[in-house]
Amino acid sequence: MLILGLILLVLGLVLDISILWTIGIIVLIVGAVLLLLGSTGRAVGGRRHWY
């Protein structure tokens, strides 16, 4: 999700489309939160591991 957020941020900046910029920020924040929760060993979405 972090990579997708970064790609959307760059595309929004280059193509000057503000909705891509906004979606990119939201996806980047959600990805960072999930990364932090996953790195602490906390179960995310009811599962401890995703296979």
N, C-alpha and C. Protein backbone atom coordinates (compact mmCIF):
# COMPACT_ATOMS: atom_id res chain seq x y z
N MET A 1 0.82 -1.19 0.00
CA MET A 1 0.00 0.00 0.00
C MET A 1 0.86 1.25 0.00
N LEU A 2 2.01 1.14 0.62
CA LEU A 2 2.89 2.31 0.64
C LEU A 2 3.36 2.68 -0.76
N ILE A 3 3.72 1.66 -1.52
CA ILE A 3 4.20 1.91 -2.88
C ILE A 3 3.08 2.46 -3.75
N LEU A 4 1.88 1.92 -3.60
CA LEU A 4 0.74 2.43 -4.36
C LEU A 4 0.45 3.88 -3.99
N GLY A 5 0.53 4.21 -2.72
CA GLY A 5 0.32 5.59 -2.28
C GLY A 5 1.35 6.53 -2.88
N LEU A 6 2.61 6.09 -2.91
CA LEU A 6 3.65 6.93 -3.51
C LEU A 6 3.44 7.13 -5.01
N ILE A 7 3.03 6.06 -5.68
CA ILE A 7 2.78 6.16 -7.12
C ILE A 7 1.63 7.13 -7.39
N LEU A 8 0.56 7.04 -6.60
CA LEU A 8 -0.56 7.95 -6.79
C LEU A 8 -0.17 9.39 -6.49
N LEU A 9 0.66 9.60 -5.48
CA LEU A 9 1.13 10.95 -5.17
C LEU A 9 1.92 11.55 -6.34
N VAL A 10 2.82 10.75 -6.90
CA VAL A 10 3.64 11.24 -8.00
C VAL A 10 2.78 11.50 -9.23
N LEU A 11 1.87 10.57 -9.54
CA LEU A 11 1.00 10.77 -10.70
C LEU A 11 0.11 12.00 -10.53
N GLY A 12 -0.40 12.19 -9.32
CA GLY A 12 -1.22 13.36 -9.06
C GLY A 12 -0.45 14.65 -9.22
N LEU A 13 0.81 14.63 -8.82
CA LEU A 13 1.65 15.82 -8.96
C LEU A 13 2.02 16.08 -10.41
N VAL A 14 2.41 15.03 -11.13
CA VAL A 14 2.85 15.19 -12.52
C VAL A 14 1.69 15.55 -13.44
N LEU A 15 0.56 14.85 -13.27
CA LEU A 15 -0.59 15.08 -14.15
C LEU A 15 -1.49 16.20 -13.66
N ASP A 16 -1.17 16.76 -12.50
CA ASP A 16 -1.94 17.85 -11.91
C ASP A 16 -3.41 17.47 -11.72
N ILE A 17 -3.62 16.28 -11.14
CA ILE A 17 -4.96 15.79 -10.82
C ILE A 17 -5.05 15.70 -9.30
N SER A 18 -5.84 16.56 -8.71
CA SER A 18 -5.87 16.67 -7.26
C SER A 18 -6.50 15.45 -6.58
N ILE A 19 -7.43 14.76 -7.24
CA ILE A 19 -8.06 13.59 -6.62
C ILE A 19 -7.05 12.46 -6.45
N LEU A 20 -6.11 12.31 -7.40
CA LEU A 20 -5.05 11.31 -7.24
C LEU A 20 -4.15 11.66 -6.08
N TRP A 21 -3.87 12.95 -5.91
CA TRP A 21 -3.04 13.41 -4.80
C TRP A 21 -3.71 13.08 -3.47
N THR A 22 -5.02 13.33 -3.37
CA THR A 22 -5.76 13.07 -2.14
C THR A 22 -5.83 11.58 -1.84
N ILE A 23 -6.16 10.78 -2.84
CA ILE A 23 -6.23 9.33 -2.65
C ILE A 23 -4.85 8.78 -2.30
N GLY A 24 -3.81 9.31 -2.91
CA GLY A 24 -2.45 8.87 -2.60
C GLY A 24 -2.07 9.12 -1.15
N ILE A 25 -2.45 10.28 -0.61
CA ILE A 25 -2.17 10.58 0.79
C ILE A 25 -2.92 9.63 1.71
N ILE A 26 -4.18 9.37 1.41
CA ILE A 26 -4.99 8.47 2.24
C ILE A 26 -4.42 7.06 2.21
N VAL A 27 -4.08 6.56 1.04
CA VAL A 27 -3.54 5.21 0.91
C VAL A 27 -2.18 5.11 1.61
N LEU A 28 -1.38 6.16 1.51
CA LEU A 28 -0.07 6.18 2.17
C LEU A 28 -0.22 6.13 3.69
N ILE A 29 -1.17 6.86 4.24
CA ILE A 29 -1.39 6.86 5.69
C ILE A 29 -1.90 5.50 6.16
N VAL A 30 -2.85 4.93 5.43
CA VAL A 30 -3.39 3.61 5.80
C VAL A 30 -2.30 2.55 5.72
N GLY A 31 -1.48 2.61 4.69
CA GLY A 31 -0.38 1.66 4.56
C GLY A 31 0.63 1.79 5.68
N ALA A 32 0.92 3.01 6.11
CA ALA A 32 1.87 3.21 7.20
C ALA A 32 1.31 2.67 8.51
N VAL A 33 0.01 2.88 8.75
CA VAL A 33 -0.62 2.36 9.97
C VAL A 33 -0.60 0.84 9.97
N LEU A 34 -0.93 0.23 8.86
CA LEU A 34 -0.91 -1.24 8.78
C LEU A 34 0.51 -1.78 8.93
N LEU A 35 1.49 -1.07 8.39
CA LEU A 35 2.87 -1.49 8.55
C LEU A 35 3.30 -1.44 10.01
N LEU A 36 2.92 -0.38 10.70
CA LEU A 36 3.27 -0.27 12.12
C LEU A 36 2.57 -1.34 12.95
N LEU A 37 1.29 -1.58 12.69
CA LEU A 37 0.59 -2.61 13.44
C LEU A 37 1.15 -4.00 13.16
N GLY A 38 1.49 -4.25 11.93
CA GLY A 38 2.03 -5.55 11.56
C GLY A 38 3.42 -5.78 12.13
N SER A 39 4.22 -4.71 12.22
CA SER A 39 5.58 -4.87 12.73
C SER A 39 5.61 -5.08 14.24
N THR A 40 4.57 -4.67 14.95
CA THR A 40 4.52 -4.88 16.39
C THR A 40 4.00 -6.27 16.74
N GLY A 41 3.57 -7.04 15.76
CA GLY A 41 3.07 -8.38 16.02
C GLY A 41 1.60 -8.41 16.36
N ARG A 42 0.93 -7.28 16.27
CA ARG A 42 -0.49 -7.20 16.59
C ARG A 42 -1.31 -7.78 15.43
N ALA A 43 -2.37 -8.48 15.77
CA ALA A 43 -3.24 -9.06 14.73
C ALA A 43 -3.98 -7.94 14.01
N VAL A 44 -3.92 -7.95 12.69
CA VAL A 44 -4.58 -6.94 11.87
C VAL A 44 -5.68 -7.62 11.08
N GLY A 45 -6.90 -7.15 11.22
CA GLY A 45 -8.02 -7.74 10.49
C GLY A 45 -8.39 -9.11 10.98
N GLY A 46 -8.10 -9.42 12.24
CA GLY A 46 -8.46 -10.70 12.79
C GLY A 46 -7.46 -11.82 12.53
N ARG A 47 -6.38 -11.50 11.81
CA ARG A 47 -5.37 -12.51 11.52
C ARG A 47 -4.00 -12.00 11.94
N ARG A 48 -3.21 -12.91 12.45
CA ARG A 48 -1.86 -12.54 12.84
C ARG A 48 -0.90 -12.60 11.65
N HIS A 49 -1.15 -13.53 10.73
CA HIS A 49 -0.28 -13.67 9.55
C HIS A 49 -1.14 -13.71 8.30
N TRP A 50 -0.64 -13.12 7.23
CA TRP A 50 -1.29 -13.18 5.92
C TRP A 50 -0.40 -14.01 5.01
N TYR A 51 -0.98 -15.03 4.40
CA TYR A 51 -0.19 -15.90 3.55
C TYR A 51 -0.52 -15.67 2.11
